[in-house]
Amino acid sequence: MADKRQNRPASMHVKKGDTVQVISGKDKGTVGEVLKAIPQEGKVIVKGVNIRTKHVKPRQEGESGQIVTQEAPIYSSKVMLYSTKQKVASRIAYTFTEDGRKVRMLKKTGEIID
């Protein structure tokens, strides 16, 4: 039996609250905020990306059913961090600040994310 940890990525380059741009798939080019990161599956949920419709049955008598739209997860490899100041997507590098903290930095702009 295979260990579950073998298929899990060590860490993800995006976190909850990051602004990202989708780089492949039907929502390519869309910029949105990461609502939730799921590191166990290597996926993220981005606001306004990969919208799915769900038909909800009425719970009580007399209540009408609904059609609810919600975001579904996509693989984190399909998104890049996005600089809102310079309007460009970039890969990231890990660097250290003067006070010794490890931070994420955009390679194209040199902008510090954390």
Protein backbone atom coordinates (compact mmCIF):
# COMPACT_ATOMS: atom_id res chain seq x y z
CA MET A 1 0.00 0.00 0.00
CA ALA A 2 1.48 3.34 -1.06
CA ASP A 3 2.04 6.08 1.45
CA LYS A 4 -0.23 9.08 0.90
CA ARG A 5 2.64 11.50 1.51
CA GLN A 6 4.47 10.39 -1.64
CA ASN A 7 1.87 12.02 -3.91
CA ARG A 8 1.64 15.23 -1.89
CA PRO A 9 3.65 18.30 -2.94
CA ALA A 10 6.09 19.53 -0.29
CA SER A 11 4.72 23.07 -0.42
CA MET A 12 2.80 25.33 -2.76
CA HIS A 13 3.96 28.61 -4.26
CA VAL A 14 0.60 30.30 -3.58
CA LYS A 15 -1.25 30.99 -0.34
CA LYS A 16 -4.73 32.11 0.64
CA GLY A 17 -5.21 35.77 -0.21
CA ASP A 18 -2.65 35.91 -3.05
CA THR A 19 -3.58 37.52 -6.36
CA VAL A 20 -2.95 35.06 -9.20
CA GLN A 21 -3.41 34.78 -12.96
CA VAL A 22 -4.58 31.56 -14.62
CA ILE A 23 -2.04 30.47 -17.26
CA SER A 24 -3.84 27.52 -18.89
CA GLY A 25 -7.30 26.07 -19.41
CA LYS A 26 -10.65 27.61 -20.26
CA ASP A 27 -10.16 30.50 -17.81
CA LYS A 28 -6.69 31.41 -19.17
CA GLY A 29 -5.75 35.04 -18.48
CA THR A 30 -8.24 35.50 -15.64
CA VAL A 31 -6.91 37.32 -12.57
CA GLY A 32 -8.41 36.51 -9.18
CA GLU A 33 -7.76 36.04 -5.48
CA VAL A 34 -6.98 32.65 -3.93
CA LEU A 35 -9.95 31.89 -1.65
CA LYS A 36 -8.62 28.56 -0.36
CA ALA A 37 -5.44 26.52 -0.74
CA ILE A 38 -5.61 22.71 -0.56
CA PRO A 39 -1.96 21.56 -0.25
CA GLN A 40 -2.90 17.88 0.27
CA GLU A 41 -4.26 17.79 -3.29
CA GLY A 42 -2.01 20.50 -4.76
CA LYS A 43 -5.07 22.57 -5.68
CA VAL A 44 -6.40 26.08 -5.11
CA ILE A 45 -9.80 27.75 -5.34
CA VAL A 46 -9.64 31.09 -7.18
CA LYS A 47 -12.43 33.67 -7.10
CA GLY A 48 -14.32 33.73 -10.42
CA VAL A 49 -12.42 30.78 -11.94
CA ASN A 50 -13.74 27.28 -12.79
CA ILE A 51 -17.37 28.13 -11.97
CA ARG A 52 -19.68 25.14 -11.50
CA THR A 53 -23.48 25.18 -11.19
CA LYS A 54 -25.19 23.06 -8.56
CA HIS A 55 -28.92 22.33 -8.46
CA VAL A 56 -30.14 22.41 -4.85
CA LYS A 57 -33.40 20.66 -3.95
CA PRO A 58 -35.86 22.43 -1.65
CA ARG A 59 -35.28 21.58 2.02
CA GLN A 60 -38.73 22.39 3.40
CA GLU A 61 -42.21 22.09 1.93
CA GLY A 62 -43.21 25.26 0.11
CA GLU A 63 -39.59 26.29 -0.44
CA SER A 64 -38.37 26.48 -4.04
CA GLY A 65 -35.21 24.88 -5.36
CA GLN A 66 -32.18 26.90 -6.43
CA ILE A 67 -29.32 26.87 -8.89
CA VAL A 68 -26.14 27.83 -7.02
CA THR A 69 -22.85 28.75 -8.71
CA GLN A 70 -19.57 28.13 -6.91
CA GLU A 71 -15.86 27.93 -7.67
CA ALA A 72 -14.28 24.49 -8.04
CA PRO A 73 -10.58 23.74 -7.31
CA ILE A 74 -7.89 23.88 -10.00
CA TYR A 75 -4.31 22.65 -9.87
CA SER A 76 -1.87 25.17 -8.40
CA SER A 77 0.50 24.62 -11.34
CA LYS A 78 -2.08 26.37 -13.57
CA VAL A 79 -1.69 29.71 -11.74
CA MET A 80 1.09 32.28 -11.43
CA LEU A 81 1.41 35.05 -8.87
CA TYR A 82 0.26 38.39 -10.27
CA SER A 83 1.59 41.88 -9.52
CA THR A 84 -1.33 44.32 -9.32
CA LYS A 85 1.05 47.33 -9.44
CA GLN A 86 2.87 46.34 -12.65
CA LYS A 87 0.01 44.23 -14.15
CA VAL A 88 2.28 41.24 -14.88
CA ALA A 89 2.37 37.56 -13.85
CA SER A 90 5.69 36.17 -12.63
CA ARG A 91 7.40 33.16 -11.17
CA ILE A 92 8.62 33.43 -7.58
CA ALA A 93 11.97 33.22 -5.85
CA TYR A 94 12.60 32.74 -2.15
CA THR A 95 14.92 35.35 -0.64
CA PHE A 96 15.89 36.59 2.80
CA THR A 97 15.29 40.11 4.10
CA GLU A 98 17.79 42.15 6.12
CA ASP A 99 16.22 40.95 9.37
CA GLY A 100 16.57 37.28 8.27
CA ARG A 101 12.98 36.47 7.30
CA LYS A 102 12.42 34.15 4.33
CA VAL A 103 10.03 35.85 1.89
CA ARG A 104 8.59 35.27 -1.57
CA MET A 105 9.68 37.65 -4.32
CA LEU A 106 8.40 38.06 -7.89
CA LYS A 107 11.25 37.36 -10.32
CA LYS A 108 10.13 39.84 -13.02
CA THR A 109 9.53 42.84 -10.78
CA GLY A 110 11.52 42.14 -7.61
CA GLU A 111 8.36 42.86 -5.59
CA ILE A 112 8.20 41.21 -2.15
CA ILE A 113 4.93 39.28 -1.61
CA ASP A 114 5.02 38.39 2.11
